[in-house]
Amino acid sequence: MQVTELDKKRIQVVLEDGVNFVLYKGEGKRYDIREEAELSQEQYEEIYHEILVKRARRRTLHLLEKMDRTEAQLRMKLRQGLYGEELIDNAIEYVKSFHYLDDARYARNYVRSQRDRKSRRKIQAELAGKGIDRELVEQALEEEYRQETERDLILKWVEKKHYSGEQADLKEKQRMYQFLMRKGFHSDDILHVLDYLT
C-alpha cells in the first residue's frame, strides 16, 4: 500500500489493486495505515462502510444544501474531492432515494427562472452544459414554454427596453437587434418582431 500526504490533515491511500481513497491522518493512525503495511479485507470493509460511504453521503448532502445541482455537477464536485466512482455512485443513489437530486425538476426550475431573460436555444445550451440529458431538457422546455413563443419573449424584451419601432433610427434598431442576439434569439424571429413594430 502506498500512502501520500495530501495536506496537513489528509492522506491518500493507494492499495495494490489500484483502489484508492482519502482519510484524515487520525483515521490513518487508528487503522495503522502506513507505507508498505498490509490492510486486511476486514479493515478495508470497515473503512469503506464506516468512514468513506458515510463521508461521501454527507458531502453530497452538504453540496445540495447550498444549492440545487445536477447529477453531473455533483459527480464532478465529488471527483474533485477525490472520491472514487463506487463511492460517488453510492452517494448519488442515496440522495436520489430521498428525491434530493432530480435532474428533471432542476431543468424545469431552471427554464422557469430563465425563460423571461433568455431564449429557448440559450437555455437549452446552458442545461446541456450542466450535464442534463437532452430528453429531460426538451421535456422541461415543452412544459414551461407551452404558453409563450419565442416572438412573445422578444416582444416582452423590446417593451421592457422601451424600444419604439416607429421612432427608432437605424442605429437604435441595430442596437436592439444585437441585444436580442446576445440573449440567444434567432435572427428571423428578431427581425420579424422588429419589422412588425415599425
Protein backbone atom coordinates (compact mmCIF):
# COMPACT_ATOMS: atom_id res chain seq x y z
CA MET A 1 0.00 0.00 0.00
CA GLN A 2 1.19 3.49 -0.84
CA VAL A 3 0.44 6.45 1.40
CA THR A 4 0.75 10.04 0.18
CA GLU A 5 0.27 13.14 2.30
CA LEU A 6 -2.26 15.43 0.60
CA ASP A 7 -2.15 18.25 3.16
CA LYS A 8 -1.73 18.77 6.90
CA LYS A 9 -4.91 16.83 7.67
CA ARG A 10 -5.33 14.19 4.94
CA ILE A 11 -3.56 11.25 3.35
CA GLN A 12 -4.31 9.37 0.14
CA VAL A 13 -4.07 5.60 0.30
CA VAL A 14 -3.49 3.51 -2.83
CA LEU A 15 -3.90 -0.24 -2.45
CA GLU A 16 -2.10 -2.84 -4.58
CA ASP A 17 -5.23 -3.48 -6.69
CA GLY A 18 -5.38 0.23 -7.61
CA VAL A 19 -8.22 1.11 -5.21
CA ASN A 20 -7.52 4.49 -3.64
CA PHE A 21 -9.21 6.63 -1.02
CA VAL A 22 -8.59 9.61 1.23
CA LEU A 23 -8.52 9.51 5.03
CA TYR A 24 -7.80 12.01 7.76
CA LYS A 25 -4.46 11.38 9.44
CA GLY A 26 -6.12 10.39 12.72
CA GLU A 27 -8.12 7.71 10.89
CA GLY A 28 -4.92 6.51 9.26
CA LYS A 29 -3.29 6.12 12.68
CA ARG A 30 -6.32 4.28 14.05
CA TYR A 31 -6.06 1.68 11.29
CA ASP A 32 -2.24 1.67 11.34
CA ILE A 33 -2.08 2.80 7.73
CA ARG A 34 1.49 3.39 6.64
CA GLU A 35 3.67 2.87 3.60
CA GLU A 36 4.16 -0.79 2.65
CA ALA A 37 1.92 -2.04 5.50
CA GLU A 38 -0.83 -4.62 4.87
CA LEU A 39 -4.51 -3.75 5.08
CA SER A 40 -6.77 -6.71 5.76
CA GLN A 41 -10.04 -7.13 3.85
CA GLU A 42 -11.93 -6.71 7.15
CA GLN A 43 -10.16 -3.42 7.85
CA TYR A 44 -10.85 -2.18 4.31
CA GLU A 45 -14.55 -3.13 4.59
CA GLU A 46 -14.79 -1.28 7.89
CA ILE A 47 -13.07 1.83 6.48
CA TYR A 48 -15.22 1.69 3.36
CA HIS A 49 -18.59 1.32 5.11
CA GLU A 50 -18.00 3.20 8.36
CA ILE A 51 -15.97 6.12 7.04
CA LEU A 52 -15.92 6.53 3.28
CA VAL A 53 -19.56 5.79 2.39
CA LYS A 54 -20.84 7.98 5.22
CA ARG A 55 -18.45 10.80 4.36
CA ALA A 56 -19.37 10.76 0.65
CA ARG A 57 -23.06 10.85 1.51
CA ARG A 58 -22.61 13.72 3.96
CA ARG A 59 -20.55 15.65 1.41
CA THR A 60 -23.23 15.14 -1.23
CA LEU A 61 -25.98 16.34 1.11
CA HIS A 62 -23.85 19.34 2.06
CA LEU A 63 -23.36 20.26 -1.61
CA LEU A 64 -27.13 20.08 -2.19
CA GLU A 65 -27.86 22.16 0.92
CA LYS A 66 -26.07 25.16 -0.55
CA MET A 67 -27.80 24.99 -3.95
CA ASP A 68 -29.72 22.70 -6.26
CA ARG A 69 -27.33 20.85 -8.57
CA THR A 70 -27.49 18.43 -11.45
CA GLU A 71 -26.18 14.89 -11.17
CA ALA A 72 -23.25 15.75 -13.46
CA GLN A 73 -22.32 18.76 -11.31
CA LEU A 74 -22.45 16.65 -8.16
CA ARG A 75 -20.32 13.92 -9.70
CA MET A 76 -17.73 16.49 -10.75
CA LYS A 77 -17.61 18.03 -7.25
CA LEU A 78 -17.19 14.61 -5.64
CA ARG A 79 -14.40 13.68 -8.07
CA GLN A 80 -12.65 16.91 -7.14
CA GLY A 81 -12.88 15.72 -3.52
CA LEU A 82 -11.04 12.53 -4.60
CA TYR A 83 -13.97 10.19 -4.02
CA GLY A 84 -13.83 7.01 -6.11
CA GLU A 85 -16.54 6.18 -8.68
CA GLU A 86 -18.08 3.46 -6.50
CA LEU A 87 -18.47 5.90 -3.59
CA ILE A 88 -19.85 8.57 -5.92
CA ASP A 89 -22.44 6.14 -7.34
CA ASN A 90 -23.44 5.16 -3.81
CA ALA A 91 -23.79 8.79 -2.66
CA ILE A 92 -25.79 9.75 -5.77
CA GLU A 93 -28.19 6.83 -5.30
CA TYR A 94 -28.55 7.78 -1.63
CA VAL A 95 -29.65 11.38 -2.32
CA LYS A 96 -31.85 10.25 -5.21
CA SER A 97 -33.69 7.89 -2.86
CA PHE A 98 -34.82 10.96 -0.88
CA HIS A 99 -35.60 12.93 -4.08
CA TYR A 100 -32.93 15.48 -3.16
CA LEU A 101 -31.46 15.07 -6.62
CA ASP A 102 -33.75 15.25 -9.61
CA ASP A 103 -32.43 16.50 -12.97
CA ALA A 104 -35.95 16.77 -14.42
CA ARG A 105 -37.02 19.06 -11.57
CA TYR A 106 -33.78 21.03 -11.87
CA ALA A 107 -34.38 21.53 -15.62
CA ARG A 108 -37.99 22.69 -15.09
CA ASN A 109 -36.97 25.15 -12.37
CA TYR A 110 -34.11 26.46 -14.47
CA VAL A 111 -36.32 27.00 -17.52
CA ARG A 112 -38.97 28.70 -15.37
CA SER A 113 -36.44 31.09 -13.82
CA GLN A 114 -34.64 31.91 -17.08
CA ARG A 115 -37.33 31.93 -19.77
CA ASP A 116 -38.15 35.62 -19.42
CA ARG A 117 -34.47 36.51 -19.78
CA LYS A 118 -33.10 34.09 -22.35
CA SER A 119 -34.15 32.28 -25.48
CA ARG A 120 -35.03 28.60 -25.63
CA ARG A 121 -31.85 27.90 -27.52
CA LYS A 122 -29.66 29.58 -24.92
CA ILE A 123 -31.40 27.79 -22.03
CA GLN A 124 -31.06 24.50 -23.91
CA ALA A 125 -27.32 25.07 -24.34
CA GLU A 126 -26.85 26.05 -20.69
CA LEU A 127 -28.71 22.99 -19.39
CA ALA A 128 -26.70 20.75 -21.71
CA GLY A 129 -23.58 22.39 -20.27
CA LYS A 130 -24.77 21.41 -16.81
CA GLY A 131 -24.85 17.78 -17.91
CA ILE A 132 -28.61 17.32 -18.12
CA ASP A 133 -29.87 14.68 -20.53
CA ARG A 134 -31.23 16.12 -23.81
CA GLU A 135 -34.62 14.44 -23.40
CA LEU A 136 -35.10 15.97 -19.94
CA VAL A 137 -34.16 19.40 -21.31
CA GLU A 138 -36.66 19.09 -24.18
CA GLN A 139 -39.39 17.93 -21.81
CA ALA A 140 -38.79 20.87 -19.45
CA LEU A 141 -38.77 23.35 -22.33
CA GLU A 142 -42.03 21.95 -23.73
CA GLU A 143 -43.76 22.12 -20.35
CA GLU A 144 -42.60 25.61 -19.46
CA TYR A 145 -42.95 27.21 -22.90
CA ARG A 146 -46.39 25.91 -23.72
CA GLN A 147 -47.97 29.32 -23.33
CA GLU A 148 -45.29 31.55 -24.80
CA THR A 149 -43.49 31.61 -28.09
CA GLU A 150 -40.04 33.00 -28.80
CA ARG A 151 -41.56 36.00 -30.52
CA ASP A 152 -43.69 36.78 -27.46
CA LEU A 153 -40.49 36.79 -25.40
CA ILE A 154 -38.75 39.08 -27.89
CA LEU A 155 -41.73 41.42 -27.72
CA LYS A 156 -41.51 41.44 -23.91
CA TRP A 157 -37.83 42.39 -24.07
CA VAL A 158 -38.49 45.10 -26.62
CA GLU A 159 -41.22 46.57 -24.40
CA LYS A 160 -39.04 46.28 -21.31
CA LYS A 161 -36.30 48.25 -23.08
CA HIS A 162 -38.88 50.92 -24.10
CA TYR A 163 -37.98 50.44 -27.75
CA SER A 164 -40.25 52.20 -30.19
CA GLY A 165 -40.09 50.84 -33.72
CA GLU A 166 -41.70 53.96 -35.17
CA GLN A 167 -39.25 56.37 -33.55
CA ALA A 168 -36.09 54.24 -33.66
CA ASP A 169 -33.38 55.14 -36.16
CA LEU A 170 -31.19 52.53 -37.84
CA LYS A 171 -28.58 52.69 -35.05
CA GLU A 172 -31.18 52.04 -32.33
CA LYS A 173 -32.67 49.18 -34.34
CA GLN A 174 -29.20 47.63 -34.74
CA ARG A 175 -28.52 48.03 -31.02
CA MET A 176 -31.80 46.30 -30.14
CA TYR A 177 -31.08 43.55 -32.70
CA GLN A 178 -27.61 42.92 -31.19
CA PHE A 179 -29.04 42.89 -27.67
CA LEU A 180 -31.61 40.25 -28.64
CA MET A 181 -29.00 38.18 -30.49
CA ARG A 182 -26.89 38.12 -27.30
CA LYS A 183 -29.95 36.77 -25.49
CA GLY A 184 -29.83 33.85 -27.90
CA PHE A 185 -32.88 34.55 -30.06
CA HIS A 186 -32.95 33.56 -33.73
CA SER A 187 -32.27 36.31 -36.24
CA ASP A 188 -35.52 35.56 -38.14
CA ASP A 189 -37.65 35.95 -35.02
CA ILE A 190 -35.93 39.19 -34.02
CA LEU A 191 -36.36 40.73 -37.46
CA HIS A 192 -39.99 39.61 -37.60
CA VAL A 193 -40.79 41.38 -34.31
CA LEU A 194 -38.76 44.50 -35.09
CA ASP A 195 -40.33 44.80 -38.55
CA TYR A 196 -43.78 44.23 -37.07
CA LEU A 197 -43.22 47.16 -34.68
CA THR A 198 -42.01 49.53 -37.42
